[in-house]
Amino acid sequence: MRSSPQLTNVLDFLPAAEHAAIRAGNSSHDCTGGIQAAIDQAGSKVYVPAGTYPVKQLNLRSDIELYGDGQASELKAHDDTLACEFMLVTHVRDGGTPDVADNMRNIHLHDLKLNGRVAEFGYQQFWYLLAVNATSDLTVERVMFHGFRGDGMYVGSGTLRGTERHNQRIVVRDCVFDGAVKDNRNGLSVIDCDHLTVANCIFRNIGNAKLSHSVGGIDFEPDHNWSVYRNVTISHCKFIDIDTVNTAGITFFNGHQTGSNIHDWVVSGCQFTNCYWGIDSATRPKTATDVADNLSVLNCHFLNSIRVDIAVNGLSGTQISGCTFQRSPPGSGPGGDAIRLGSFAYGTSENAIDTVITGNTFIGIRPQMGAIGVLGADRVVCAGNVFVDIHGSCINFADGNTRDHTRRTDAVIISGNRISRSAHAAPGAAAMSFLSTSEQMRITKGHLVVNRSIEYANDIDDGIKRVAAGATIQLVGLK
């Protein structure tokens, strides 16, 4: 396909003597200058034919469509020098301005493979295959992000500390983020974006055993109080083998929430398989009067998470509905809750606020606290769920206080849940109970009084304890 006023073929800007080697995938020619010239001089379309193109940094521009023949069209890092820190970029460093009216815009990337060669060059935290800053109306489709050394795609505020930039209306669809050797940071890092859609994507083999946090499939990590991430939809994505210590399929951090800058996230129809955490949240202590986060997790499937499937730490306004939480075989794994409400870290309690857990199924969980473990929560509705072959307690409430004396559990409604043990339950399910308390998370004992709370109309099979032995729980009715 030769160049025309509307379409530019990058091969027309590269030496003819290199074309055969590029098509064969064994060229060592630095293709950066030729492809950059094609981008700069093109009409609206830039075509990358099948082949392997060693490149350094390529600068995108507004109103461009850059595309290839799928994974057969591969841009790979030329070497491990600083010139390859970023592969495709909109603005980097202090490019752009804080005003979204000045953003780069209308960019479409599709049917390409970006290869960071992490297996050869190793981990580099701030190296990105696609760096997006001060950009509006970007669509990324059918792109393979392979072997990224830091992040596969970074949606940020520039790449210099303290630079304020904002992104709008980013769509990532039908893409694959493959870390290859688990020596990377995140598939997709989001520092700032208003209206982000991630759909039908696969995140796999991402992690780094040397890091303790901020690693995983998608990480929302705003840096400043002016950072924005809101109106986020993540649908029908798969998170597979994100299982090194403290990694997560998705992490939501709201520590820089000030007013309306961070809120409204929906995760729907997604699958989480063999993740350390499925969905994690790193937050700050909140009260019922604070701005709601509004996280909805709907119709998702969590299989064999190593620790917690969904951690609702200091979030407010969380709905978890229609999900399946499963361990296969039942009772397998080191022990972790399906849902954890509240947390305690750095001497501070973070209570979950306004949580609705309805219509979910819990199968074969071997919990640390309970299939639903409550460390601290204000206003919880747990209704219409099914618990089958739980190797411990279905719902466990932490007893005792914390050093900051702010942990609380109040206003809990537990109703219409079905609790059963199947005919083929593994031996560990014999200890199954509906409710329990714990003083040290792993020990079922204690005496708990929960105010403004009620438990009624739950269907519990014969032989399953309503309250675990050694514990008393009083739910002191609604007032």
Protein backbone atom coordinates (compact mmCIF):
# COMPACT_ATOMS: atom_id res chain seq x y z
CA MET A 1 0.00 0.00 0.00
CA ARG A 2 1.77 3.11 -1.24
CA SER A 3 1.46 6.60 0.20
CA SER A 4 -1.32 8.92 -0.92
CA PRO A 5 -2.53 12.36 0.24
CA GLN A 6 -4.64 10.63 2.89
CA LEU A 7 -2.52 7.58 3.72
CA THR A 8 1.20 7.30 4.40
CA ASN A 9 3.11 4.01 4.34
CA VAL A 10 6.08 4.14 6.72
CA LEU A 11 8.12 1.89 4.40
CA ASP A 12 8.24 4.77 1.92
CA PHE A 13 10.34 6.63 4.49
CA LEU A 14 12.73 3.77 5.24
CA PRO A 15 15.67 2.54 3.12
CA ALA A 16 14.52 0.11 0.42
CA ALA A 17 17.49 -2.10 1.25
CA GLU A 18 15.99 -2.68 4.73
CA HIS A 19 12.46 -3.62 3.63
CA ALA A 20 13.10 -7.35 3.30
CA ALA A 21 14.78 -7.58 6.70
CA ILE A 22 11.98 -5.55 8.29
CA ARG A 23 9.37 -7.86 6.80
CA ALA A 24 11.38 -10.90 7.93
CA GLY A 25 11.68 -9.51 11.46
CA ASN A 26 15.47 -9.43 11.63
CA SER A 27 16.35 -5.83 10.78
CA SER A 28 18.62 -3.95 13.18
CA HIS A 29 18.07 -0.63 11.40
CA ASP A 30 16.93 2.25 13.61
CA CYS A 31 13.54 3.03 12.08
CA THR A 32 12.80 5.99 14.37
CA GLY A 33 13.69 8.78 11.96
CA GLY A 34 11.78 7.33 9.03
CA ILE A 35 8.61 6.56 10.99
CA GLN A 36 8.74 9.97 12.71
CA ALA A 37 9.01 11.65 9.31
CA ALA A 38 5.98 9.66 8.15
CA ILE A 39 4.00 10.80 11.20
CA ASP A 40 5.06 14.42 10.78
CA GLN A 41 4.33 14.60 7.04
CA ALA A 42 1.29 12.34 6.87
CA GLY A 43 -2.27 13.16 6.13
CA SER A 44 -4.71 11.57 8.52
CA LYS A 45 -3.49 7.94 8.27
CA VAL A 46 -0.10 6.33 8.88
CA TYR A 47 0.18 2.66 7.98
CA VAL A 48 2.78 0.30 9.44
CA PRO A 49 2.91 -2.83 7.24
CA ALA A 50 3.68 -6.25 8.72
CA GLY A 51 7.27 -6.43 9.92
CA THR A 52 9.47 -5.63 12.92
CA TYR A 53 10.65 -2.05 13.32
CA PRO A 54 13.34 -1.22 15.91
CA VAL A 55 12.48 2.24 17.26
CA LYS A 56 13.28 4.77 19.95
CA GLN A 57 10.81 7.50 20.97
CA LEU A 58 8.08 8.33 18.45
CA ASN A 59 6.08 11.53 18.95
CA LEU A 60 2.41 11.44 18.01
CA ARG A 61 0.31 14.42 16.99
CA SER A 62 -3.33 15.43 16.86
CA ASP A 63 -5.73 14.13 14.21
CA ILE A 64 -3.80 11.01 13.27
CA GLU A 65 -4.58 7.33 12.82
CA LEU A 66 -1.53 5.08 13.29
CA TYR A 67 -2.19 1.44 12.51
CA GLY A 68 -0.77 -1.80 11.21
CA ASP A 69 -1.64 -5.39 10.36
CA GLY A 70 -2.19 -6.52 13.94
CA GLN A 71 0.58 -8.21 15.93
CA ALA A 72 2.47 -8.77 12.68
CA SER A 73 3.25 -5.03 12.74
CA GLU A 74 5.69 -4.75 15.63
CA LEU A 75 7.45 -1.71 17.01
CA LYS A 76 10.19 -2.94 19.33
CA ALA A 77 12.61 -1.10 21.58
CA HIS A 78 15.79 -0.45 19.63
CA ASP A 79 18.06 -0.85 22.67
CA ASP A 80 18.16 -0.27 26.44
CA THR A 81 19.39 3.32 26.33
CA LEU A 82 17.44 6.30 27.70
CA ALA A 83 16.36 7.13 24.15
CA CYS A 84 13.96 4.16 24.46
CA GLU A 85 12.43 5.29 27.76
CA PHE A 86 9.13 5.92 25.94
CA MET A 87 8.05 4.32 22.68
CA LEU A 88 4.90 6.18 21.58
CA VAL A 89 4.11 9.49 23.26
CA THR A 90 1.70 12.39 23.07
CA HIS A 91 3.22 14.87 25.55
CA VAL A 92 6.07 13.95 27.89
CA ARG A 93 8.07 15.82 30.48
CA ASP A 94 6.42 19.28 30.68
CA GLY A 95 4.73 19.19 27.27
CA GLY A 96 1.18 20.52 27.08
CA THR A 97 -0.53 22.85 29.57
CA PRO A 98 -2.96 22.44 32.49
CA ASP A 99 -5.79 23.72 30.23
CA VAL A 100 -7.54 20.82 28.44
CA ALA A 101 -8.36 23.21 25.59
CA ASP A 102 -4.68 22.96 24.66
CA ASN A 103 -4.63 19.16 24.68
CA MET A 104 -3.43 17.01 21.83
CA ARG A 105 -6.57 15.30 20.51
CA ASN A 106 -8.28 12.92 18.08
CA ILE A 107 -5.72 10.12 17.95
CA HIS A 108 -6.50 6.53 16.93
CA LEU A 109 -3.95 3.74 17.47
CA HIS A 110 -4.85 0.23 16.39
CA ASP A 111 -3.63 -3.15 15.20
CA LEU A 112 -0.03 -2.88 16.39
CA LYS A 113 2.39 -4.71 18.69
CA LEU A 114 4.61 -2.68 21.03
CA ASN A 115 7.51 -4.67 22.47
CA GLY A 116 9.63 -3.31 25.33
CA ARG A 117 11.94 -6.38 25.46
CA VAL A 118 11.84 -6.68 29.24
CA ALA A 119 13.15 -10.25 29.12
CA GLU A 120 16.37 -8.92 27.57
CA PHE A 121 16.74 -5.52 29.23
CA GLY A 122 15.04 -5.92 32.63
CA TYR A 123 12.87 -3.71 34.83
CA GLN A 124 12.84 0.10 34.61
CA GLN A 125 10.10 1.74 36.69
CA PHE A 126 9.34 4.82 34.61
CA TRP A 127 9.69 3.38 31.11
CA TYR A 128 6.43 3.20 29.14
CA LEU A 129 5.42 1.75 25.78
CA LEU A 130 2.67 4.38 25.39
CA ALA A 131 2.87 7.62 27.40
CA VAL A 132 -0.29 9.75 27.24
CA ASN A 133 -0.34 13.21 28.80
CA ALA A 134 -2.50 16.29 28.12
CA THR A 135 -4.55 14.34 25.59
CA SER A 136 -8.25 14.25 24.71
CA ASP A 137 -10.21 11.78 22.60
CA LEU A 138 -7.68 8.97 22.23
CA THR A 139 -8.75 5.48 21.15
CA VAL A 140 -6.40 2.50 21.45
CA GLU A 141 -7.69 -0.72 19.86
CA ARG A 142 -6.25 -4.18 19.24
CA VAL A 143 -2.78 -3.22 20.44
CA MET A 144 -0.51 -5.82 22.01
CA PHE A 145 1.56 -4.29 24.83
CA HIS A 146 4.29 -6.89 25.29
CA GLY A 147 7.21 -7.08 27.68
CA PHE A 148 6.97 -3.57 29.06
CA ARG A 149 9.81 -2.64 31.41
CA GLY A 150 7.71 -0.27 33.53
CA ASP A 151 4.11 0.33 32.40
CA GLY A 152 2.48 -0.81 29.22
CA MET A 153 0.39 2.36 28.96
CA TYR A 154 0.71 5.42 31.18
CA VAL A 155 -2.10 8.00 31.33
CA GLY A 156 -0.48 10.75 33.32
CA SER A 157 0.22 14.38 34.14
CA GLY A 158 3.44 14.68 32.24
CA THR A 159 6.56 12.79 33.23
CA LEU A 160 8.16 15.43 35.41
CA ARG A 161 7.26 15.64 39.09
CA GLY A 162 4.65 18.30 39.86
CA THR A 163 3.49 18.84 36.27
CA GLU A 164 -0.28 19.40 36.10
CA ARG A 165 -1.85 17.93 32.97
CA HIS A 166 -5.29 16.41 32.39
CA ASN A 167 -6.62 13.76 30.02
CA GLN A 168 -10.16 13.30 28.74
CA ARG A 169 -12.14 10.59 27.00
CA ILE A 170 -9.60 7.79 26.64
CA VAL A 171 -10.82 4.45 25.24
CA VAL A 172 -8.73 1.27 25.46
CA ARG A 173 -10.48 -1.62 23.74
CA ASP A 174 -9.63 -5.20 22.70
CA CYS A 175 -6.00 -4.82 23.76
CA VAL A 176 -3.61 -7.30 25.41
CA PHE A 177 -1.20 -6.25 28.16
CA ASP A 178 1.31 -9.09 28.59
CA GLY A 179 4.16 -8.47 31.01
CA ALA A 180 5.84 -11.61 29.67
CA VAL A 181 8.25 -12.30 32.55
CA LYS A 182 6.72 -10.50 35.58
CA ASP A 183 9.50 -7.94 35.84
CA ASN A 184 7.38 -4.85 35.28
CA ARG A 185 5.06 -2.43 37.05
CA ASN A 186 1.55 -2.00 35.61
CA GLY A 187 -0.25 -2.90 32.44
CA LEU A 188 -2.14 0.41 32.58
CA SER A 189 -1.27 3.23 35.02
CA VAL A 190 -3.79 6.04 35.39
CA ILE A 191 -2.71 9.25 37.06
CA ASP A 192 -5.29 11.55 35.51
CA CYS A 193 -8.28 10.91 33.23
CA ASP A 194 -11.86 12.14 33.09
CA HIS A 195 -13.99 9.48 31.34
CA LEU A 196 -11.88 6.37 30.82
CA THR A 197 -13.23 3.23 29.17
CA VAL A 198 -11.32 -0.07 29.24
CA ALA A 199 -13.20 -2.86 27.49
CA ASN A 200 -12.51 -6.44 26.38
CA CYS A 201 -8.85 -6.27 27.31
CA ILE A 202 -6.57 -8.99 28.70
CA PHE A 203 -4.01 -8.29 31.44
CA ARG A 204 -1.65 -11.19 32.15
CA ASN A 205 1.76 -12.12 33.55
CA ILE A 206 2.25 -8.75 35.20
CA GLY A 207 4.12 -8.32 38.46
CA ASN A 208 7.39 -7.79 40.23
CA ALA A 209 8.38 -9.74 43.33
CA LYS A 210 10.87 -7.00 44.26
CA LEU A 211 8.12 -4.38 44.69
CA SER A 212 5.61 -4.21 47.53
CA HIS A 213 2.82 -2.11 46.03
CA SER A 214 1.60 -0.23 42.93
CA VAL A 215 1.95 -3.25 40.70
CA GLY A 216 -0.73 -4.98 38.68
CA GLY A 217 -3.11 -4.92 35.77
CA ILE A 218 -4.65 -1.45 36.15
CA ASP A 219 -3.44 0.97 38.81
CA PHE A 220 -5.21 4.26 39.57
CA GLU A 221 -2.61 6.33 41.40
CA PRO A 222 -3.19 10.11 41.36
CA ASP A 223 -0.17 12.09 42.50
CA HIS A 224 -1.66 15.42 43.59
CA ASN A 225 -4.89 16.97 44.85
CA TRP A 226 -5.50 18.40 41.40
CA SER A 227 -5.30 14.95 39.80
CA VAL A 228 -8.55 13.65 38.30
CA TYR A 229 -9.85 10.17 37.70
CA ARG A 230 -13.58 9.82 37.45
CA ASN A 231 -16.28 8.29 35.28
CA VAL A 232 -14.29 5.10 34.80
CA THR A 233 -15.76 1.99 33.16
CA ILE A 234 -13.84 -1.30 33.06
CA SER A 235 -15.88 -4.01 31.37
CA HIS A 236 -15.41 -7.59 30.17
CA CYS A 237 -11.68 -7.63 30.85
CA LYS A 238 -9.59 -10.61 31.99
CA PHE A 239 -6.89 -10.40 34.67
CA ILE A 240 -4.78 -13.57 34.63
CA ASP A 241 -1.75 -14.68 36.69
CA ILE A 242 -1.13 -11.34 38.36
CA ASP A 243 0.06 -13.20 41.41
CA THR A 244 3.39 -11.91 42.75
CA VAL A 245 3.24 -10.56 46.30
CA ASN A 246 0.98 -7.51 46.74
CA THR A 247 -0.09 -7.28 43.12
CA ALA A 248 -3.70 -6.69 42.07
CA GLY A 249 -5.84 -6.96 38.99
CA ILE A 250 -7.10 -3.42 39.69
CA THR A 251 -6.05 -0.94 42.39
CA PHE A 252 -8.06 2.18 43.24
CA PHE A 253 -6.25 4.83 45.30
CA ASN A 254 -8.21 7.86 46.47
CA GLY A 255 -5.70 9.49 48.81
CA HIS A 256 -5.79 12.77 46.84
CA GLN A 257 -9.58 13.03 46.72
CA THR A 258 -10.59 16.66 47.29
CA GLY A 259 -14.13 17.46 46.28
CA SER A 260 -15.25 16.01 42.96
CA ASN A 261 -11.91 15.11 41.40
CA ILE A 262 -12.09 11.34 42.12
CA HIS A 263 -15.30 9.30 41.96
CA ASP A 264 -17.57 6.93 40.01
CA TRP A 265 -15.88 3.70 38.92
CA VAL A 266 -17.65 0.66 37.43
CA VAL A 267 -16.09 -2.78 37.01
CA SER A 268 -18.47 -5.14 35.22
CA GLY A 269 -18.36 -8.57 33.59
CA CYS A 270 -14.65 -9.05 34.33
CA GLN A 271 -12.75 -12.23 35.19
CA PHE A 272 -9.97 -12.37 37.78
CA THR A 273 -7.98 -15.62 37.75
CA ASN A 274 -4.96 -16.36 39.95
CA CYS A 275 -4.45 -12.81 41.20
CA TYR A 276 -2.84 -11.97 44.54
CA TRP A 277 -5.65 -9.45 45.07
CA GLY A 278 -8.49 -9.14 42.61
CA ILE A 279 -9.50 -5.53 43.30
CA ASP A 280 -7.61 -3.58 45.94
CA SER A 281 -8.18 -0.08 47.25
CA ALA A 282 -5.59 2.10 48.95
CA THR A 283 -7.37 4.90 50.71
CA ARG A 284 -7.44 7.36 53.54
CA PRO A 285 -9.78 7.37 56.57
CA LYS A 286 -13.21 8.66 55.56
CA THR A 287 -16.49 9.51 57.23
CA ALA A 288 -20.07 9.33 56.06
CA THR A 289 -20.00 13.07 55.27
CA ASP A 290 -17.05 12.78 52.85
CA VAL A 291 -17.46 12.66 49.08
CA ALA A 292 -18.53 9.18 47.96
CA ASP A 293 -16.20 7.13 45.78
CA ASN A 294 -19.03 5.13 44.17
CA LEU A 295 -17.35 1.88 43.15
CA SER A 296 -19.64 -0.70 41.53
CA VAL A 297 -18.40 -4.26 40.95
CA LEU A 298 -21.03 -6.11 38.95
CA ASN A 299 -21.27 -9.63 37.52
CA CYS A 300 -17.57 -10.42 37.87
CA HIS A 301 -15.94 -13.82 38.50
CA PHE A 302 -13.04 -14.19 40.95
CA LEU A 303 -11.22 -17.54 40.83
CA ASN A 304 -8.35 -18.58 43.13
CA SER A 305 -7.25 -15.21 44.40
CA ILE A 306 -4.32 -15.71 46.76
CA ARG A 307 -5.51 -13.20 49.36
CA VAL A 308 -8.56 -10.94 49.05
CA ASP A 309 -10.82 -10.81 46.01
CA ILE A 310 -12.18 -7.31 46.72
CA ALA A 311 -10.68 -5.07 49.42
CA VAL A 312 -13.04 -2.21 50.30
CA ASN A 313 -10.76 -0.28 52.59
CA GLY A 314 -11.79 3.31 53.23
CA LEU A 315 -14.10 3.49 50.23
CA SER A 316 -17.61 4.88 50.49
CA GLY A 317 -20.58 4.02 48.30
CA THR A 318 -19.51 0.54 47.14
CA GLN A 319 -21.88 -1.93 45.48
CA ILE A 320 -20.87 -5.56 44.87
CA SER A 321 -23.60 -7.46 43.07
CA GLY A 322 -24.01 -10.57 40.93
CA CYS A 323 -20.42 -11.72 41.40
CA THR A 324 -19.01 -15.22 41.94
CA PHE A 325 -16.14 -15.78 44.37
CA GLN A 326 -14.62 -19.23 44.05
CA ARG A 327 -11.71 -21.42 45.08
CA SER A 328 -11.09 -24.56 43.05
CA PRO A 329 -10.70 -27.09 44.46
CA PRO A 330 -12.84 -25.82 47.37
CA GLY A 331 -10.79 -24.76 50.36
CA SER A 332 -7.57 -24.35 48.38
CA GLY A 333 -5.11 -21.50 48.73
CA PRO A 334 -3.33 -20.00 51.74
CA GLY A 335 -6.52 -18.46 53.12
CA GLY A 336 -8.04 -15.12 52.23
CA ASP A 337 -11.41 -13.39 52.30
CA ALA A 338 -13.58 -12.90 49.25
CA ILE A 339 -14.60 -9.41 50.41
CA ARG A 340 -12.79 -7.40 53.10
CA LEU A 341 -14.52 -4.30 54.51
CA GLY A 342 -12.21 -1.83 56.19
CA SER A 343 -8.52 -1.98 56.95
CA PHE A 344 -5.94 -0.97 59.51
CA ALA A 345 -2.59 0.38 58.35
CA TYR A 346 0.05 2.80 59.60
CA GLY A 347 -1.78 3.21 62.93
CA THR A 348 -4.97 4.36 61.23
CA SER A 349 -8.31 2.64 60.76
CA GLU A 350 -10.08 2.94 57.42
CA ASN A 351 -13.73 1.99 57.70
CA ALA A 352 -15.84 1.04 54.68
CA ILE A 353 -18.89 3.29 54.40
CA ASP A 354 -22.24 2.62 52.70
CA THR A 355 -21.56 -0.83 51.24
CA VAL A 356 -24.16 -2.99 49.50
CA ILE A 357 -23.36 -6.69 48.93
CA THR A 358 -26.23 -8.41 47.12
CA GLY A 359 -26.87 -11.41 44.86
CA ASN A 360 -23.36 -12.84 45.01
CA THR A 361 -22.22 -16.47 45.25
CA PHE A 362 -19.33 -17.61 47.47
CA ILE A 363 -18.03 -21.14 46.80
CA GLY A 364 -15.31 -23.03 48.66
CA ILE A 365 -13.67 -19.97 50.24
CA ARG A 366 -11.14 -20.70 53.00
CA PRO A 367 -11.11 -17.30 54.66
CA GLN A 368 -8.67 -15.53 56.90
CA MET A 369 -11.56 -13.78 58.66
CA GLY A 370 -14.74 -14.69 56.79
CA ALA A 371 -15.89 -15.03 53.21
CA ILE A 372 -16.92 -11.48 54.05
CA GLY A 373 -14.49 -10.11 56.64
CA VAL A 374 -15.48 -6.89 58.41
CA LEU A 375 -12.64 -4.94 60.00
CA GLY A 376 -14.62 -1.70 60.12
CA ALA A 377 -17.80 -0.62 58.37
CA ASP A 378 -20.58 1.93 58.76
CA ARG A 379 -23.88 1.10 57.03
CA VAL A 380 -23.71 -2.31 55.33
CA VAL A 381 -26.42 -4.26 53.54
CA CYS A 382 -25.61 -7.95 52.97
CA ALA A 383 -28.63 -9.56 51.36
CA GLY A 384 -29.59 -12.30 48.93
CA ASN A 385 -26.17 -13.92 48.74
CA VAL A 386 -25.38 -17.64 48.54
CA PHE A 387 -22.61 -19.21 50.61
CA VAL A 388 -21.61 -22.80 49.75
CA ASP A 389 -18.92 -24.97 51.40
CA ILE A 390 -17.17 -22.14 53.22
CA HIS A 391 -14.15 -23.46 55.16
CA GLY A 392 -14.80 -21.22 58.16
CA SER A 393 -17.21 -18.35 58.64
CA CYS A 394 -19.43 -16.71 56.04
CA ILE A 395 -19.37 -13.29 57.76
CA ASN A 396 -16.79 -12.40 60.39
CA PHE A 397 -16.62 -9.20 62.44
CA ALA A 398 -13.35 -8.02 63.95
CA ASP A 399 -13.58 -7.47 67.69
CA GLY A 400 -11.42 -5.15 69.74
CA ASN A 401 -10.08 -1.70 68.93
CA THR A 402 -7.07 -0.30 67.16
CA ARG A 403 -4.38 2.12 68.25
CA ASP A 404 -6.21 5.12 66.80
CA HIS A 405 -9.51 4.02 68.41
CA THR A 406 -11.48 4.81 65.26
CA ARG A 407 -12.43 1.33 64.09
CA ARG A 408 -16.19 0.88 64.23
CA THR A 409 -18.85 -1.41 62.84
CA ASP A 410 -22.37 -0.02 62.88
CA ALA A 411 -25.70 -0.16 61.03
CA VAL A 412 -25.51 -3.64 59.49
CA ILE A 413 -28.44 -5.41 57.80
CA ILE A 414 -28.01 -9.12 57.02
CA SER A 415 -31.03 -10.68 55.32
CA GLY A 416 -32.20 -13.30 52.84
CA ASN A 417 -28.88 -15.09 52.46
CA ARG A 418 -28.65 -18.83 51.72
CA ILE A 419 -26.02 -20.84 53.61
CA SER A 420 -25.46 -24.48 52.64
CA ARG A 421 -23.00 -27.34 52.55
CA SER A 422 -23.01 -29.54 49.46
CA ALA A 423 -23.08 -33.33 49.52
CA HIS A 424 -19.50 -33.42 48.24
CA ALA A 425 -18.05 -30.77 50.53
CA ALA A 426 -14.38 -31.17 51.45
CA PRO A 427 -13.65 -31.93 55.14
CA GLY A 428 -12.70 -28.34 55.92
CA ALA A 429 -16.26 -27.21 55.27
CA ALA A 430 -17.40 -29.07 58.40
CA ALA A 431 -16.39 -26.02 60.46
CA MET A 432 -18.69 -23.76 58.45
CA SER A 433 -20.58 -21.10 60.41
CA PHE A 434 -22.73 -18.19 59.36
CA LEU A 435 -21.45 -15.48 61.73
CA SER A 436 -18.36 -15.16 63.89
CA THR A 437 -16.07 -12.64 65.55
CA SER A 438 -12.29 -12.52 65.71
CA GLU A 439 -9.89 -10.70 67.97
CA GLN A 440 -6.81 -11.35 65.83
CA MET A 441 -8.43 -12.03 62.45
CA ARG A 442 -7.59 -15.73 62.46
CA ILE A 443 -9.07 -16.68 65.83
CA THR A 444 -12.83 -17.18 66.08
CA LYS A 445 -13.86 -15.92 69.49
CA GLY A 446 -15.03 -12.77 71.18
CA HIS A 447 -18.22 -10.99 72.12
CA LEU A 448 -19.54 -8.33 69.81
CA VAL A 449 -22.43 -5.88 69.97
CA VAL A 450 -23.33 -4.09 66.72
CA ASN A 451 -25.70 -1.15 67.09
CA ARG A 452 -28.50 -0.15 64.71
CA SER A 453 -28.30 -3.59 63.11
CA ILE A 454 -30.50 -6.58 62.35
CA GLU A 455 -30.19 -10.12 61.00
CA TYR A 456 -33.29 -11.93 59.73
CA ALA A 457 -34.75 -14.37 57.18
CA ASN A 458 -31.46 -16.13 56.42
CA ASP A 459 -31.78 -19.75 55.28
CA ILE A 460 -29.16 -21.85 57.07
CA ASP A 461 -28.81 -25.60 56.52
CA ASP A 462 -29.01 -27.96 59.48
CA GLY A 463 -25.59 -28.67 60.96
CA ILE A 464 -24.19 -25.23 60.15
CA LYS A 465 -23.70 -23.04 63.21
CA ARG A 466 -25.49 -19.71 63.11
CA VAL A 467 -22.77 -18.23 65.32
CA ALA A 468 -19.39 -19.94 65.59
CA ALA A 469 -18.54 -21.67 68.85
CA GLY A 470 -16.79 -19.39 71.33
CA ALA A 471 -18.42 -16.23 69.99
CA THR A 472 -21.50 -14.17 70.82
CA ILE A 473 -22.90 -11.55 68.47
CA GLN A 474 -25.70 -9.15 69.31
CA LEU A 475 -27.20 -7.16 66.47
CA VAL A 476 -29.08 -4.48 68.37
CA GLY A 477 -32.07 -3.62 66.14
CA LEU A 478 -32.69 -0.64 63.97
CA LYS A 479 -33.35 2.64 65.75
